[in-house]
Amino acid sequence: MGLDFSQLYSLLGLEPGCSLDELKHAYRKRVAELHPDRRSAAGIGQDTGSRQLAALTPLYRSALRFHEEYGRLPGSDAGDAAPTAVRMPGRRPEPGAERGTDAGPPPRTPASHWWLLVALAALVGYLVLGASGPRA
């Protein structure tokens, strides 16, 4: 069964061309309204709130996955999406890559830990040579 993202937008009171920030804000607001502790104050029945929340959460998560993969929300035009970095399958984007900002220093590689290898080699050499040397 395919996902009906129009139901997501309907539950959140949004249009398919909305931004990711608008989607996140509307989702959080709606979840707060459907929360069991707030249902009676909002005039939402127990069964209705539970069904809406059960339908809303998987649709929202699927929309986020769609955005992560395609750089746009489902139902929006592909031309409306801002250019995003190419995403390698199975890899998470580096922080800031999707915004085009400087993500800070590059991640450390094993080559940048050469000093640790030298210290470890010196310790092993000391233990091996010190243990086999003359004892008093």
Protein backbone atom coordinates (compact mmCIF):
# COMPACT_ATOMS: atom_id res chain seq x y z
CA MET A 1 0.00 0.00 0.00
CA GLY A 2 1.38 3.41 -1.02
CA LEU A 3 1.61 6.30 1.38
CA ASP A 4 -0.97 9.09 1.03
CA PHE A 5 0.98 12.23 1.84
CA SER A 6 -2.11 14.34 1.12
CA GLN A 7 -3.47 12.90 4.39
CA LEU A 8 -0.34 14.18 6.18
CA TYR A 9 -0.80 17.68 4.80
CA SER A 10 -4.51 17.57 5.60
CA LEU A 11 -3.92 16.49 9.22
CA LEU A 12 -1.39 19.30 9.64
CA GLY A 13 -3.35 21.96 7.76
CA LEU A 14 -0.54 22.48 5.22
CA GLU A 15 -0.16 22.59 1.44
CA PRO A 16 2.16 20.17 -0.41
CA GLY A 17 4.55 22.99 -1.36
CA CYS A 18 5.37 23.88 2.28
CA SER A 19 8.91 24.06 3.62
CA LEU A 20 10.54 21.48 5.86
CA ASP A 21 10.51 23.94 8.77
CA GLU A 22 6.77 24.54 8.32
CA LEU A 23 6.16 20.78 8.26
CA LYS A 24 8.18 20.21 11.45
CA HIS A 25 6.48 23.08 13.27
CA ALA A 26 2.97 21.96 12.27
CA TYR A 27 3.76 18.34 13.23
CA ARG A 28 4.99 19.29 16.70
CA LYS A 29 2.00 21.52 17.24
CA ARG A 30 -0.45 18.81 16.15
CA VAL A 31 1.21 16.12 18.27
CA ALA A 32 0.94 18.41 21.28
CA GLU A 33 -2.79 18.82 20.56
CA LEU A 34 -3.29 15.07 20.17
CA HIS A 35 -1.30 14.17 23.28
CA PRO A 36 -3.46 12.18 25.74
CA ASP A 37 -2.99 14.78 28.48
CA ARG A 38 -4.31 17.60 26.29
CA ARG A 39 -7.04 15.89 24.25
CA SER A 40 -9.95 16.82 26.51
CA ALA A 41 -8.90 20.48 26.64
CA ALA A 42 -8.76 20.61 22.82
CA GLY A 43 -12.14 18.88 22.47
CA ILE A 44 -10.67 15.81 20.76
CA GLY A 45 -12.07 12.40 21.69
CA GLN A 46 -9.83 9.55 22.86
CA ASP A 47 -10.45 7.32 19.82
CA THR A 48 -10.21 10.14 17.29
CA GLY A 49 -6.97 11.47 18.77
CA SER A 50 -5.38 8.03 18.95
CA ARG A 51 -6.28 7.25 15.33
CA GLN A 52 -5.01 10.58 14.07
CA LEU A 53 -1.76 10.26 15.99
CA ALA A 54 -1.29 6.67 14.77
CA ALA A 55 -1.77 7.83 11.17
CA LEU A 56 0.26 11.02 11.52
CA THR A 57 3.54 9.71 12.94
CA PRO A 58 4.47 7.17 10.21
CA LEU A 59 3.48 9.63 7.48
CA TYR A 60 5.64 12.33 9.04
CA ARG A 61 8.64 10.00 9.33
CA SER A 62 8.19 8.89 5.72
CA ALA A 63 8.06 12.52 4.59
CA LEU A 64 11.34 13.22 6.44
CA ARG A 65 12.98 10.20 4.79
CA PHE A 66 11.67 11.40 1.42
CA HIS A 67 13.15 14.85 2.06
CA GLU A 68 16.47 13.35 3.10
CA GLU A 69 16.66 11.27 -0.07
CA TYR A 70 15.27 13.69 -2.66
CA GLY A 71 15.94 17.10 -1.11
CA ARG A 72 12.28 18.08 -1.18
CA LEU A 73 9.04 17.13 0.50
CA PRO A 74 6.62 14.77 -1.23
CA GLY A 75 4.11 16.58 -3.40
CA SER A 76 6.30 19.62 -4.04
CA ASP A 77 7.81 20.31 -7.45
CA ALA A 78 11.34 19.06 -7.99
CA GLY A 79 12.25 22.51 -9.32
CA ASP A 80 11.22 24.13 -6.01
CA ALA A 81 13.80 22.22 -4.01
CA ALA A 82 17.01 23.92 -3.04
CA PRO A 83 20.12 22.22 -4.38
CA THR A 84 21.45 19.70 -1.92
CA ALA A 85 24.69 17.78 -1.61
CA VAL A 86 24.87 14.41 -3.31
CA ARG A 87 23.99 11.76 -0.79
CA MET A 88 25.89 8.50 -0.83
CA PRO A 89 23.76 5.46 -0.04
CA GLY A 90 24.26 4.25 3.52
CA ARG A 91 26.13 7.39 4.59
CA ARG A 92 24.85 10.29 6.61
CA PRO A 93 25.64 13.76 5.33
CA GLU A 94 28.24 15.74 7.23
CA PRO A 95 26.86 18.39 9.58
CA GLY A 96 26.23 21.61 7.68
CA ALA A 97 26.53 19.99 4.24
CA GLU A 98 22.82 20.38 3.52
CA ARG A 99 22.92 24.06 4.43
CA GLY A 100 26.08 24.83 2.52
CA THR A 101 27.80 26.09 5.65
CA ASP A 102 31.29 25.36 6.82
CA ALA A 103 31.07 22.19 8.87
CA GLY A 104 34.29 22.96 10.74
CA PRO A 105 37.47 20.93 10.61
CA PRO A 106 37.47 17.71 8.61
CA PRO A 107 36.93 14.49 10.54
CA ARG A 108 40.03 12.84 11.91
CA THR A 109 41.47 10.01 9.89
CA PRO A 110 43.69 7.18 11.10
CA ALA A 111 46.68 9.04 9.61
CA SER A 112 46.11 11.91 12.02
CA HIS A 113 46.66 9.55 14.97
CA TRP A 114 50.31 8.79 14.10
CA TRP A 115 51.49 10.06 17.46
CA LEU A 116 49.29 7.47 19.18
CA LEU A 117 50.88 4.68 17.15
CA VAL A 118 54.39 5.94 17.98
CA ALA A 119 53.58 6.08 21.70
CA LEU A 120 52.05 2.60 21.60
CA ALA A 121 55.10 1.20 19.78
CA ALA A 122 57.41 2.81 22.35
CA LEU A 123 55.40 1.33 25.23
CA VAL A 124 55.42 -2.15 23.70
CA GLY A 125 59.18 -1.86 23.03
CA TYR A 126 59.82 -0.78 26.61
CA LEU A 127 57.77 -3.64 28.02
CA VAL A 128 59.34 -6.26 25.76
CA LEU A 129 62.93 -5.06 26.15
CA GLY A 130 62.55 -4.17 29.81
CA ALA A 131 61.11 -7.59 30.62
CA SER A 132 63.90 -9.48 28.85
CA GLY A 133 66.77 -7.37 30.26
CA PRO A 134 68.92 -8.30 33.26
CA ARG A 135 67.30 -8.21 36.65
CA ALA A 136 69.01 -7.38 39.88
